[in-house]
Amino acid sequence: MTEIEKFTRSCIKEMEQSCLELPWEDARTYGDWVAQTYFYVRHATRVLAKAAFRCTIEQEDLHKVFLKGINEEKNHEIMAVNDLKHMGLRLGDYYEYPETSAYYQTLYHLIDYNGPYELLGYFVNLEGLGAIGCDGFYDKIIKSHGEKAASFIKVHARIDARHFQEGIDLLNSLKPEQLKIVRHGLEISTPLYCNMIRRVTQESYKRRTAA
């Protein structure tokens, strides 16, 4: 296992540990996670387009990876909205936390500041969380809320799970100076994602203890 794969897996583990603290069986809490997911996922095709634009002619292969990603990620936010509907919830029941804004807005800046390889650092751990990091709560979601209310996580944890290995294979083909930028993306995105999950956890605790 390469150093970048080891580091990526350690980041995924950190994200997984934050997620395990959520009471996934609670409908309002799960709905909040779905809503926050919607708020950042709706930017996925836009950050991919931005990164694709920033690729030089010499980075044509990476440019095509991002273009392919735009097609694959298109309309994924709609799944999150539908999951909420199947639980009798609405997107308007929630609002975008500052921690969620920080998670994706930072990426826009990093693509401008350091270039398109930052996006790989952001995406590979997120894909990995779905592929190898959600076993501890995926079944809880299905059991508690049903498959119709879990389309988003089902697609990313089961159907699109191959994306993580594809991402690792891509990282293993990069040069050291490119991997340095990817690692930076991993180092920034991991705690930002965990901060978002902690906010969802805190709001859930306040809501349930006040009831």
N, C-alpha and C. Protein backbone atom coordinates (compact mmCIF):
# COMPACT_ATOMS: atom_id res chain seq x y z
N MET A 1 0.84 -1.20 0.00
CA MET A 1 0.00 0.00 0.00
C MET A 1 0.88 1.24 0.00
N THR A 2 0.60 2.18 -0.88
CA THR A 2 1.40 3.38 -0.99
C THR A 2 1.13 4.33 0.17
N GLU A 3 2.03 5.29 0.35
CA GLU A 3 1.87 6.26 1.45
C GLU A 3 0.61 7.10 1.28
N ILE A 4 0.30 7.49 0.04
CA ILE A 4 -0.89 8.33 -0.17
C ILE A 4 -2.16 7.54 0.11
N GLU A 5 -2.17 6.24 -0.20
CA GLU A 5 -3.35 5.43 0.11
C GLU A 5 -3.49 5.25 1.62
N LYS A 6 -2.38 5.03 2.32
CA LYS A 6 -2.43 4.91 3.78
C LYS A 6 -2.99 6.18 4.40
N PHE A 7 -2.50 7.32 3.92
CA PHE A 7 -2.95 8.59 4.48
C PHE A 7 -4.43 8.82 4.17
N THR A 8 -4.84 8.49 2.96
CA THR A 8 -6.24 8.65 2.57
C THR A 8 -7.14 7.80 3.46
N ARG A 9 -6.73 6.56 3.70
CA ARG A 9 -7.53 5.67 4.54
C ARG A 9 -7.59 6.17 5.98
N SER A 10 -6.54 6.80 6.46
CA SER A 10 -6.56 7.35 7.81
C SER A 10 -7.54 8.53 7.89
N CYS A 11 -7.62 9.31 6.82
CA CYS A 11 -8.58 10.42 6.77
C CYS A 11 -10.01 9.90 6.75
N ILE A 12 -10.24 8.84 5.98
CA ILE A 12 -11.57 8.23 5.92
C ILE A 12 -11.97 7.71 7.28
N LYS A 13 -11.02 7.11 7.98
CA LYS A 13 -11.30 6.58 9.31
C LYS A 13 -11.71 7.70 10.27
N GLU A 14 -11.06 8.83 10.16
CA GLU A 14 -11.40 9.98 11.00
C GLU A 14 -12.81 10.47 10.70
N MET A 15 -13.17 10.52 9.43
CA MET A 15 -14.51 10.93 9.03
C MET A 15 -15.55 9.92 9.51
N GLU A 16 -15.21 8.64 9.39
CA GLU A 16 -16.12 7.59 9.83
C GLU A 16 -16.39 7.69 11.32
N GLN A 17 -15.36 7.95 12.11
CA GLN A 17 -15.54 8.06 13.55
C GLN A 17 -16.49 9.20 13.91
N SER A 18 -16.41 10.31 13.19
CA SER A 18 -17.33 11.41 13.43
C SER A 18 -18.77 11.00 13.10
N CYS A 19 -18.92 10.28 12.00
CA CYS A 19 -20.25 9.84 11.57
C CYS A 19 -20.87 8.85 12.54
N LEU A 20 -20.05 8.03 13.16
CA LEU A 20 -20.57 7.02 14.08
C LEU A 20 -21.20 7.64 15.33
N GLU A 21 -20.90 8.90 15.59
CA GLU A 21 -21.47 9.58 16.75
C GLU A 21 -22.90 10.05 16.50
N LEU A 22 -23.32 10.05 15.25
CA LEU A 22 -24.68 10.49 14.93
C LEU A 22 -25.71 9.42 15.30
N PRO A 23 -26.84 9.82 15.86
CA PRO A 23 -27.93 8.87 16.10
C PRO A 23 -28.73 8.67 14.81
N TRP A 24 -28.24 7.81 13.95
CA TRP A 24 -28.82 7.65 12.61
C TRP A 24 -30.27 7.19 12.64
N GLU A 25 -30.69 6.55 13.73
CA GLU A 25 -32.06 6.07 13.82
C GLU A 25 -33.07 7.21 13.95
N ASP A 26 -32.61 8.35 14.42
CA ASP A 26 -33.49 9.50 14.63
C ASP A 26 -33.78 10.18 13.29
N ALA A 27 -35.03 10.26 12.92
CA ALA A 27 -35.41 10.76 11.60
C ALA A 27 -34.98 12.21 11.37
N ARG A 28 -35.17 13.07 12.36
CA ARG A 28 -34.79 14.47 12.19
C ARG A 28 -33.28 14.62 12.01
N THR A 29 -32.52 13.81 12.74
CA THR A 29 -31.07 13.88 12.63
C THR A 29 -30.60 13.37 11.29
N TYR A 30 -31.12 12.23 10.87
CA TYR A 30 -30.77 11.71 9.55
C TYR A 30 -31.18 12.71 8.48
N GLY A 31 -32.34 13.31 8.64
CA GLY A 31 -32.79 14.32 7.67
C GLY A 31 -31.84 15.50 7.62
N ASP A 32 -31.30 15.88 8.76
CA ASP A 32 -30.34 17.00 8.80
C ASP A 32 -29.07 16.62 8.03
N TRP A 33 -28.60 15.40 8.24
CA TRP A 33 -27.42 14.94 7.49
C TRP A 33 -27.70 14.96 5.99
N VAL A 34 -28.87 14.48 5.59
CA VAL A 34 -29.25 14.48 4.18
C VAL A 34 -29.29 15.91 3.64
N ALA A 35 -29.85 16.83 4.43
CA ALA A 35 -29.95 18.22 4.00
C ALA A 35 -28.58 18.86 3.85
N GLN A 36 -27.70 18.67 4.82
CA GLN A 36 -26.36 19.24 4.73
C GLN A 36 -25.61 18.63 3.53
N THR A 37 -25.86 17.34 3.29
CA THR A 37 -25.27 16.69 2.12
C THR A 37 -25.76 17.36 0.84
N TYR A 38 -27.05 17.63 0.78
CA TYR A 38 -27.60 18.35 -0.37
C TYR A 38 -26.90 19.69 -0.58
N PHE A 39 -26.71 20.43 0.51
CA PHE A 39 -26.16 21.77 0.40
C PHE A 39 -24.75 21.79 -0.20
N TYR A 40 -23.95 20.75 0.06
CA TYR A 40 -22.62 20.75 -0.57
C TYR A 40 -22.58 19.96 -1.88
N VAL A 41 -23.41 18.93 -1.99
CA VAL A 41 -23.37 18.11 -3.22
C VAL A 41 -23.86 18.89 -4.43
N ARG A 42 -24.74 19.87 -4.23
CA ARG A 42 -25.20 20.65 -5.37
C ARG A 42 -24.08 21.47 -6.00
N HIS A 43 -22.95 21.55 -5.32
CA HIS A 43 -21.79 22.24 -5.88
C HIS A 43 -20.82 21.29 -6.59
N ALA A 44 -21.08 19.98 -6.53
CA ALA A 44 -20.12 19.01 -7.04
C ALA A 44 -19.79 19.23 -8.52
N THR A 45 -20.81 19.37 -9.34
CA THR A 45 -20.54 19.55 -10.77
C THR A 45 -19.86 20.90 -11.04
N ARG A 46 -20.12 21.87 -10.20
CA ARG A 46 -19.52 23.20 -10.39
C ARG A 46 -18.03 23.21 -10.04
N VAL A 47 -17.67 22.54 -8.94
CA VAL A 47 -16.24 22.50 -8.60
C VAL A 47 -15.49 21.60 -9.59
N LEU A 48 -16.16 20.57 -10.10
CA LEU A 48 -15.54 19.73 -11.13
C LEU A 48 -15.30 20.55 -12.40
N ALA A 49 -16.29 21.36 -12.77
CA ALA A 49 -16.14 22.21 -13.95
C ALA A 49 -15.02 23.24 -13.75
N LYS A 50 -14.96 23.79 -12.55
CA LYS A 50 -13.91 24.77 -12.25
C LYS A 50 -12.53 24.12 -12.33
N ALA A 51 -12.40 22.92 -11.75
CA ALA A 51 -11.12 22.21 -11.79
C ALA A 51 -10.76 21.82 -13.22
N ALA A 52 -11.75 21.39 -13.99
CA ALA A 52 -11.50 21.03 -15.39
C ALA A 52 -10.99 22.23 -16.18
N PHE A 53 -11.57 23.39 -15.90
CA PHE A 53 -11.15 24.63 -16.57
C PHE A 53 -9.71 25.00 -16.20
N ARG A 54 -9.32 24.73 -14.96
CA ARG A 54 -7.98 25.09 -14.50
C ARG A 54 -6.88 24.14 -14.99
N CYS A 55 -7.27 23.00 -15.57
CA CYS A 55 -6.27 22.07 -16.10
C CYS A 55 -5.58 22.66 -17.32
N THR A 56 -4.27 22.53 -17.38
CA THR A 56 -3.53 22.97 -18.56
C THR A 56 -3.67 21.96 -19.68
N ILE A 57 -3.20 22.32 -20.86
CA ILE A 57 -3.23 21.39 -21.98
C ILE A 57 -2.41 20.14 -21.65
N GLU A 58 -1.34 20.32 -20.90
CA GLU A 58 -0.49 19.18 -20.50
C GLU A 58 -1.19 18.28 -19.48
N GLN A 59 -2.27 18.77 -18.88
CA GLN A 59 -3.04 17.99 -17.90
C GLN A 59 -4.33 17.45 -18.52
N GLU A 60 -4.25 17.09 -19.78
CA GLU A 60 -5.44 16.68 -20.53
C GLU A 60 -6.12 15.46 -19.91
N ASP A 61 -5.34 14.51 -19.42
CA ASP A 61 -5.94 13.31 -18.81
C ASP A 61 -6.75 13.66 -17.57
N LEU A 62 -6.21 14.55 -16.76
CA LEU A 62 -6.93 14.98 -15.57
C LEU A 62 -8.18 15.77 -15.96
N HIS A 63 -8.05 16.59 -16.97
CA HIS A 63 -9.18 17.37 -17.49
C HIS A 63 -10.33 16.42 -17.86
N LYS A 64 -10.01 15.32 -18.52
CA LYS A 64 -11.04 14.37 -18.94
C LYS A 64 -11.64 13.62 -17.75
N VAL A 65 -10.83 13.38 -16.73
CA VAL A 65 -11.35 12.76 -15.50
C VAL A 65 -12.43 13.64 -14.89
N PHE A 66 -12.18 14.94 -14.84
CA PHE A 66 -13.14 15.87 -14.26
C PHE A 66 -14.40 15.98 -15.12
N LEU A 67 -14.23 15.99 -16.43
CA LEU A 67 -15.39 16.05 -17.32
C LEU A 67 -16.26 14.81 -17.15
N LYS A 68 -15.64 13.65 -17.02
CA LYS A 68 -16.39 12.42 -16.77
C LYS A 68 -17.11 12.51 -15.43
N GLY A 69 -16.45 13.10 -14.45
CA GLY A 69 -17.04 13.25 -13.13
C GLY A 69 -18.28 14.13 -13.14
N ILE A 70 -18.27 15.17 -13.97
CA ILE A 70 -19.44 16.05 -14.07
C ILE A 70 -20.66 15.25 -14.48
N ASN A 71 -20.50 14.39 -15.47
CA ASN A 71 -21.63 13.57 -15.93
C ASN A 71 -22.09 12.59 -14.86
N GLU A 72 -21.13 12.02 -14.11
CA GLU A 72 -21.48 11.03 -13.09
C GLU A 72 -22.15 11.65 -11.87
N GLU A 73 -21.78 12.89 -11.54
CA GLU A 73 -22.32 13.54 -10.35
C GLU A 73 -23.58 14.36 -10.62
N LYS A 74 -23.94 14.47 -11.86
CA LYS A 74 -25.09 15.31 -12.24
C LYS A 74 -26.38 14.82 -11.58
N ASN A 75 -27.10 15.76 -10.97
CA ASN A 75 -28.41 15.52 -10.36
C ASN A 75 -28.38 14.66 -9.09
N HIS A 76 -27.20 14.42 -8.53
CA HIS A 76 -27.15 13.63 -7.30
C HIS A 76 -27.84 14.34 -6.14
N GLU A 77 -27.87 15.66 -6.18
CA GLU A 77 -28.53 16.39 -5.09
C GLU A 77 -30.04 16.11 -5.07
N ILE A 78 -30.60 15.74 -6.23
CA ILE A 78 -32.03 15.44 -6.29
C ILE A 78 -32.35 14.20 -5.47
N MET A 79 -31.42 13.25 -5.43
CA MET A 79 -31.63 12.06 -4.60
C MET A 79 -31.79 12.44 -3.14
N ALA A 80 -31.00 13.39 -2.69
CA ALA A 80 -31.09 13.84 -1.29
C ALA A 80 -32.45 14.45 -1.01
N VAL A 81 -32.94 15.27 -1.92
CA VAL A 81 -34.27 15.88 -1.75
C VAL A 81 -35.35 14.81 -1.69
N ASN A 82 -35.24 13.82 -2.56
CA ASN A 82 -36.23 12.73 -2.59
C ASN A 82 -36.19 11.90 -1.31
N ASP A 83 -34.98 11.69 -0.77
CA ASP A 83 -34.87 10.96 0.49
C ASP A 83 -35.63 11.68 1.60
N LEU A 84 -35.50 12.99 1.64
CA LEU A 84 -36.23 13.77 2.64
C LEU A 84 -37.74 13.62 2.45
N LYS A 85 -38.19 13.67 1.21
CA LYS A 85 -39.63 13.55 0.92
C LYS A 85 -40.17 12.21 1.40
N HIS A 86 -39.40 11.15 1.23
CA HIS A 86 -39.86 9.83 1.64
C HIS A 86 -39.95 9.69 3.16
N MET A 87 -39.32 10.61 3.88
CA MET A 87 -39.44 10.62 5.34
C MET A 87 -40.48 11.64 5.82
N GLY A 88 -41.15 12.28 4.87
CA GLY A 88 -42.13 13.29 5.23
C GLY A 88 -41.50 14.60 5.64
N LEU A 89 -40.23 14.82 5.24
CA LEU A 89 -39.50 16.05 5.57
C LEU A 89 -39.28 16.89 4.32
N ARG A 90 -38.94 18.15 4.54
CA ARG A 90 -38.67 19.06 3.42
C ARG A 90 -37.30 19.70 3.61
N LEU A 91 -36.68 20.06 2.51
CA LEU A 91 -35.40 20.76 2.59
C LEU A 91 -35.55 22.05 3.39
N GLY A 92 -36.71 22.67 3.27
CA GLY A 92 -36.96 23.91 4.01
C GLY A 92 -37.03 23.74 5.51
N ASP A 93 -37.08 22.49 5.98
CA ASP A 93 -37.06 22.24 7.42
C ASP A 93 -35.68 22.47 8.02
N TYR A 94 -34.68 22.61 7.15
CA TYR A 94 -33.29 22.73 7.58
C TYR A 94 -32.64 23.95 6.93
N TYR A 95 -31.49 24.33 7.46
CA TYR A 95 -30.72 25.40 6.83
C TYR A 95 -29.26 24.99 6.75
N GLU A 96 -28.54 25.66 5.89
CA GLU A 96 -27.13 25.33 5.68
C GLU A 96 -26.28 25.89 6.82
N TYR A 97 -25.62 25.01 7.54
CA TYR A 97 -24.76 25.43 8.65
C TYR A 97 -23.50 26.11 8.12
N PRO A 98 -22.92 27.04 8.89
CA PRO A 98 -21.65 27.65 8.48
C PRO A 98 -20.56 26.60 8.24
N GLU A 99 -20.59 25.52 9.01
CA GLU A 99 -19.59 24.46 8.84
C GLU A 99 -19.73 23.78 7.48
N THR A 100 -20.96 23.67 7.00
CA THR A 100 -21.20 23.10 5.67
C THR A 100 -20.70 24.05 4.60
N SER A 101 -20.97 25.33 4.77
CA SER A 101 -20.50 26.35 3.82
C SER A 101 -18.98 26.33 3.75
N ALA A 102 -18.34 26.24 4.90
CA ALA A 102 -16.87 26.24 4.94
C ALA A 102 -16.30 25.03 4.21
N TYR A 103 -17.01 23.90 4.30
CA TYR A 103 -16.54 22.67 3.67
C TYR A 103 -16.39 22.83 2.16
N TYR A 104 -17.41 23.34 1.49
CA TYR A 104 -17.31 23.42 0.03
C TYR A 104 -16.76 24.75 -0.48
N GLN A 105 -16.98 25.84 0.28
CA GLN A 105 -16.48 27.13 -0.19
C GLN A 105 -14.96 27.18 -0.18
N THR A 106 -14.35 26.50 0.77
CA THR A 106 -12.89 26.42 0.82
C THR A 106 -12.34 25.78 -0.44
N LEU A 107 -13.05 24.79 -0.96
CA LEU A 107 -12.58 24.10 -2.16
C LEU A 107 -12.54 25.03 -3.37
N TYR A 108 -13.54 25.88 -3.52
CA TYR A 108 -13.52 26.84 -4.63
C TYR A 108 -12.23 27.66 -4.58
N HIS A 109 -11.90 28.12 -3.38
CA HIS A 109 -10.69 28.93 -3.20
C HIS A 109 -9.43 28.12 -3.51
N LEU A 110 -9.37 26.90 -3.01
CA LEU A 110 -8.16 26.08 -3.18
C LEU A 110 -7.88 25.75 -4.64
N ILE A 111 -8.94 25.53 -5.41
CA ILE A 111 -8.75 25.26 -6.84
C ILE A 111 -8.11 26.46 -7.52
N ASP A 112 -8.54 27.66 -7.12
CA ASP A 112 -7.94 28.87 -7.67
C ASP A 112 -6.51 29.05 -7.18
N TYR A 113 -6.28 28.74 -5.92
CA TYR A 113 -4.99 29.04 -5.28
C TYR A 113 -3.91 28.01 -5.63
N ASN A 114 -4.27 26.71 -5.58
CA ASN A 114 -3.28 25.65 -5.79
C ASN A 114 -3.50 24.82 -7.05
N GLY A 115 -4.64 25.00 -7.70
CA GLY A 115 -4.87 24.26 -8.93
C GLY A 115 -5.78 23.06 -8.76
N PRO A 116 -6.03 22.33 -9.85
CA PRO A 116 -7.07 21.28 -9.87
C PRO A 116 -6.79 20.06 -9.01
N TYR A 117 -5.54 19.79 -8.66
CA TYR A 117 -5.25 18.59 -7.87
C TYR A 117 -5.83 18.66 -6.46
N GLU A 118 -6.16 19.87 -5.99
CA GLU A 118 -6.81 20.00 -4.69
C GLU A 118 -8.14 19.24 -4.67
N LEU A 119 -8.83 19.26 -5.80
CA LEU A 119 -10.13 18.59 -5.87
C LEU A 119 -10.02 17.09 -5.63
N LEU A 120 -8.94 16.49 -6.09
CA LEU A 120 -8.75 15.05 -5.89
C LEU A 120 -8.68 14.73 -4.39
N GLY A 121 -8.02 15.60 -3.63
CA GLY A 121 -7.93 15.39 -2.19
C GLY A 121 -9.28 15.49 -1.51
N TYR A 122 -10.12 16.38 -2.01
CA TYR A 122 -11.45 16.54 -1.45
C TYR A 122 -12.35 15.35 -1.78
N PHE A 123 -12.24 14.85 -2.99
CA PHE A 123 -13.18 13.84 -3.46
C PHE A 123 -12.81 12.43 -3.04
N VAL A 124 -11.51 12.11 -2.97
CA VAL A 124 -11.14 10.71 -2.75
C VAL A 124 -11.54 10.23 -1.36
N ASN A 125 -11.44 11.10 -0.35
CA ASN A 125 -11.86 10.65 0.99
C ASN A 125 -13.38 10.58 1.11
N LEU A 126 -14.08 11.45 0.39
CA LEU A 126 -15.54 11.42 0.41
C LEU A 126 -16.05 10.16 -0.29
N GLU A 127 -15.44 9.83 -1.42
CA GLU A 127 -15.80 8.59 -2.11
C GLU A 127 -15.46 7.39 -1.23
N GLY A 128 -14.34 7.48 -0.53
CA GLY A 128 -13.92 6.39 0.34
C GLY A 128 -14.84 6.22 1.54
N LEU A 129 -15.37 7.33 2.05
CA LEU A 129 -16.31 7.23 3.16
C LEU A 129 -17.52 6.40 2.76
N GLY A 130 -17.99 6.62 1.52
CA GLY A 130 -19.11 5.84 1.02
C GLY A 130 -18.75 4.39 0.76
N ALA A 131 -17.57 4.18 0.19
CA ALA A 131 -17.19 2.83 -0.24
C ALA A 131 -16.74 1.93 0.89
N ILE A 132 -15.95 2.46 1.83
CA ILE A 132 -15.37 1.60 2.87
C ILE A 132 -15.60 2.12 4.28
N GLY A 133 -16.19 3.30 4.42
CA GLY A 133 -16.29 3.90 5.75
C GLY A 133 -17.67 3.98 6.35
N CYS A 134 -18.69 3.45 5.67
CA CYS A 134 -20.04 3.64 6.19
C CYS A 134 -20.69 2.34 6.66
N ASP A 135 -19.94 1.27 6.76
CA ASP A 135 -20.53 0.00 7.19
C ASP A 135 -21.15 0.09 8.58
N GLY A 136 -20.63 0.98 9.41
CA GLY A 136 -21.13 1.10 10.76
C GLY A 136 -22.48 1.78 10.87
N PHE A 137 -22.94 2.46 9.81
CA PHE A 137 -24.23 3.14 9.91
C PHE A 137 -25.14 2.94 8.69
N TYR A 138 -24.64 2.36 7.62
CA TYR A 138 -25.47 2.14 6.43
C TYR A 138 -26.69 1.29 6.75
N ASP A 139 -26.48 0.15 7.41
CA ASP A 139 -27.59 -0.76 7.74
C ASP A 139 -28.57 -0.11 8.71
N LYS A 140 -28.07 0.73 9.61
CA LYS A 140 -28.96 1.44 10.54
C LYS A 140 -29.92 2.34 9.77
N ILE A 141 -29.40 3.01 8.76
CA ILE A 141 -30.23 3.93 7.98
C ILE A 141 -31.32 3.16 7.24
N ILE A 142 -30.94 2.07 6.59
CA ILE A 142 -31.90 1.27 5.84
C ILE A 142 -32.98 0.70 6.77
N LYS A 143 -32.55 0.18 7.90
CA LYS A 143 -33.48 -0.44 8.85
C LYS A 143 -34.43 0.59 9.46
N SER A 144 -33.91 1.77 9.76
CA SER A 144 -34.71 2.78 10.45
C SER A 144 -35.62 3.57 9.53
N HIS A 145 -35.18 3.82 8.30
CA HIS A 145 -35.90 4.74 7.44
C HIS A 145 -36.33 4.14 6.10
N GLY A 146 -35.86 2.94 5.80
CA GLY A 146 -36.25 2.27 4.56
C GLY A 146 -35.38 2.65 3.37
N GLU A 147 -35.35 1.79 2.38
CA GLU A 147 -34.49 2.02 1.21
C GLU A 147 -34.90 3.24 0.40
N LYS A 148 -36.20 3.54 0.36
CA LYS A 148 -36.66 4.69 -0.42
C LYS A 148 -36.16 6.01 0.16
N ALA A 149 -35.83 6.01 1.44
CA ALA A 149 -35.31 7.22 2.08
C ALA A 149 -33.80 7.19 2.18
N ALA A 150 -33.18 6.25 1.47
CA ALA A 150 -31.72 6.10 1.55
C ALA A 150 -31.09 5.96 0.18
N SER A 151 -31.70 6.58 -0.82
CA SER A 151 -31.19 6.42 -2.20
C SER A 151 -29.81 7.05 -2.36
N PHE A 152 -29.58 8.20 -1.71
CA PHE A 152 -28.29 8.87 -1.88
C PHE A 152 -27.15 8.01 -1.33
N ILE A 153 -27.30 7.56 -0.10
CA ILE A 153 -26.20 6.79 0.50
C ILE A 153 -26.07 5.42 -0.17
N LYS A 154 -27.18 4.86 -0.66
CA LYS A 154 -27.11 3.58 -1.35
C LYS A 154 -26.28 3.70 -2.62
N VAL A 155 -26.51 4.75 -3.38
CA VAL A 155 -25.75 4.94 -4.63
C VAL A 155 -24.27 5.10 -4.33
N HIS A 156 -23.94 5.89 -3.31
CA HIS A 156 -22.54 6.19 -3.05
C HIS A 156 -21.82 5.11 -2.25
N ALA A 157 -22.58 4.35 -1.47
CA ALA A 157 -21.96 3.31 -0.64
C ALA A 157 -21.92 1.96 -1.34
N ARG A 158 -22.82 1.74 -2.29
CA ARG A 158 -22.89 0.43 -2.92
C ARG A 158 -22.70 0.51 -4.44
N ILE A 159 -23.54 1.26 -5.10
CA ILE A 159 -23.53 1.28 -6.57
C ILE A 159 -22.27 1.93 -7.12
N ASP A 160 -21.86 3.07 -6.53
CA ASP A 160 -20.68 3.81 -7.03
C ASP A 160 -19.43 3.55 -6.19
N ALA A 161 -19.41 2.46 -5.44
CA ALA A 161 -18.29 2.19 -4.53
C ALA A 161 -16.97 2.04 -5.27
N ARG A 162 -17.04 1.66 -6.55
CA ARG A 162 -15.82 1.48 -7.34
C ARG A 162 -15.06 2.79 -7.53
N HIS A 163 -15.73 3.92 -7.36
CA HIS A 163 -15.09 5.21 -7.58
C HIS A 163 -13.90 5.41 -6.64
N PHE A 164 -13.99 4.85 -5.45
CA PHE A 164 -12.89 5.03 -4.50
C PHE A 164 -11.62 4.36 -5.01
N GLN A 165 -11.71 3.13 -5.45
CA GLN A 165 -10.52 2.44 -5.95
C GLN A 165 -10.00 3.11 -7.21
N GLU A 166 -10.89 3.60 -8.05
CA GLU A 166 -10.47 4.35 -9.23
C GLU A 166 -9.70 5.60 -8.82
N GLY A 167 -10.16 6.25 -7.75
CA GLY A 167 -9.47 7.43 -7.25
C GLY A 167 -8.09 7.10 -6.72
N ILE A 168 -7.98 6.00 -5.97
CA ILE A 168 -6.69 5.57 -5.44
C ILE A 168 -5.74 5.23 -6.58
N ASP A 169 -6.23 4.55 -7.59
CA ASP A 169 -5.40 4.20 -8.74
C ASP A 169 -4.87 5.47 -9.42
N LEU A 170 -5.71 6.49 -9.49
CA LEU A 170 -5.28 7.75 -10.08
C LEU A 170 -4.20 8.41 -9.22
N LEU A 171 -4.40 8.43 -7.92
CA LEU A 171 -3.41 9.03 -7.03
C LEU A 171 -2.06 8.32 -7.14
N ASN A 172 -2.11 7.00 -7.25
CA ASN A 172 -0.87 6.22 -7.34
C ASN A 172 -0.11 6.46 -8.65
N SER A 173 -0.75 7.13 -9.60
CA SER A 173 -0.09 7.42 -10.88
C SER A 173 0.52 8.82 -10.91
N LEU A 174 0.30 9.60 -9.84
CA LEU A 174 0.72 11.00 -9.85
C LEU A 174 2.18 11.17 -9.44
N LYS A 175 2.73 12.31 -9.81
CA LYS A 175 4.09 12.68 -9.45
C LYS A 175 4.12 13.25 -8.03
N PRO A 176 5.28 13.25 -7.36
CA PRO A 176 5.37 13.74 -5.98
C PRO A 176 4.84 15.15 -5.79
N GLU A 177 5.14 16.05 -6.73
CA GLU A 177 4.67 17.43 -6.56
C GLU A 177 3.15 17.53 -6.69
N GLN A 178 2.55 16.63 -7.46
CA GLN A 178 1.09 16.60 -7.58
C GLN A 178 0.47 15.99 -6.32
N LEU A 179 1.09 14.95 -5.81
CA LEU A 179 0.60 14.30 -4.59
C LEU A 179 0.65 15.23 -3.39
N LYS A 180 1.61 16.13 -3.38
CA LYS A 180 1.72 17.10 -2.30
C LYS A 180 0.46 17.96 -2.23
N ILE A 181 -0.06 18.35 -3.38
CA ILE A 181 -1.28 19.16 -3.43
C ILE A 181 -2.49 18.32 -3.04
N VAL A 182 -2.53 17.07 -3.50
CA VAL A 182 -3.63 16.17 -3.14
C VAL A 182 -3.67 15.98 -1.62
N ARG A 183 -2.51 15.75 -1.04
CA ARG A 183 -2.44 15.56 0.40
C ARG A 183 -2.94 16.80 1.14
N HIS A 184 -2.62 17.96 0.62
CA HIS A 184 -3.10 19.21 1.22
C HIS A 184 -4.62 19.25 1.20
N GLY A 185 -5.21 18.82 0.08
CA GLY A 185 -6.66 18.77 -0.01
C GLY A 185 -7.26 17.81 1.00
N LEU A 186 -6.61 16.68 1.19
CA LEU A 186 -7.06 15.71 2.20
C LEU A 186 -6.96 16.29 3.61
N GLU A 187 -5.85 16.96 3.88
CA GLU A 187 -5.62 17.50 5.22
C GLU A 187 -6.62 18.59 5.58
N ILE A 188 -7.07 19.34 4.58
CA ILE A 188 -8.03 20.41 4.85
C ILE A 188 -9.47 19.89 4.87
N SER A 189 -9.81 19.05 3.90
CA SER A 189 -11.20 18.62 3.76
C SER A 189 -11.66 17.69 4.88
N THR A 190 -10.75 16.87 5.40
CA THR A 190 -11.15 15.91 6.44
C THR A 190 -11.67 16.60 7.70
N PRO A 191 -10.92 17.51 8.32
CA PRO A 191 -11.47 18.18 9.51
C PRO A 191 -12.68 19.06 9.21
N LEU A 192 -12.74 19.63 8.00
CA LEU A 192 -13.90 20.45 7.65
C LEU A 192 -15.16 19.59 7.57
N TYR A 193 -15.04 18.41 7.00
CA TYR A 193 -16.18 17.49 6.95
C TYR A 193 -16.58 17.07 8.37
N CYS A 194 -15.59 16.74 9.17
CA CYS A 194 -15.87 16.32 10.55
C CYS A 194 -16.53 17.45 11.34
N ASN A 195 -16.13 18.68 11.10
CA ASN A 195 -16.77 19.82 11.76
C ASN A 195 -18.26 19.90 11.40
N MET A 196 -18.56 19.65 10.13
CA MET A 196 -19.95 19.66 9.69
C MET A 196 -20.75 18.57 10.40
N ILE A 197 -20.19 17.36 10.49
CA ILE A 197 -20.87 16.26 11.15
C ILE A 197 -21.05 16.55 12.64
N ARG A 198 -20.04 17.15 13.26
CA ARG A 198 -20.16 17.49 14.68
C ARG A 198 -21.29 18.50 14.91
N ARG A 199 -21.46 19.42 13.96
CA ARG A 199 -22.56 20.39 14.10
C ARG A 199 -23.91 19.68 14.01
N VAL A 200 -24.04 18.74 13.09
CA VAL A 200 -25.28 17.97 12.99
C VAL A 200 -25.52 17.21 14.29
N THR A 201 -24.46 16.63 14.85
CA THR A 201 -24.56 15.90 16.11
C THR A 201 -25.00 16.81 17.25
N GLN A 202 -24.41 18.00 17.33
CA GLN A 202 -24.75 18.96 18.38
C GLN A 202 -26.20 19.41 18.27
N GLU A 203 -26.64 19.71 17.05
CA GLU A 203 -28.02 20.15 16.85
C GLU A 203 -29.00 19.04 17.21
N SER A 204 -28.63 17.81 16.90
CA SER A 204 -29.47 16.67 17.24
C SER A 204 -29.59 16.53 18.75
N TYR A 205 -28.49 16.68 19.45
CA TYR A 205 -28.50 16.57 20.91
C TYR A 205 -29.38 17.65 21.53
N LYS A 206 -29.22 18.87 21.06
CA LYS A 206 -30.02 19.99 21.60
C LYS A 206 -31.52 19.77 21.35
N ARG A 207 -31.84 19.30 20.18
CA ARG A 207 -33.24 19.08 19.83
C ARG A 207 -33.86 17.97 20.66
N ARG A 208 -33.12 16.88 20.85
CA ARG A 208 -33.67 15.72 21.57
C ARG A 208 -33.73 15.95 23.08
N THR A 209 -32.79 16.71 23.62
CA THR A 209 -32.80 16.97 25.06
C THR A 209 -33.81 18.04 25.44
N ALA A 210 -34.18 18.87 24.46
CA ALA A 210 -35.16 19.93 24.72
C ALA A 210 -36.58 19.40 24.62
N ALA A 211 -36.72 18.25 23.99
CA ALA A 211 -38.09 17.69 23.77
C ALA A 211 -38.70 17.21 25.08
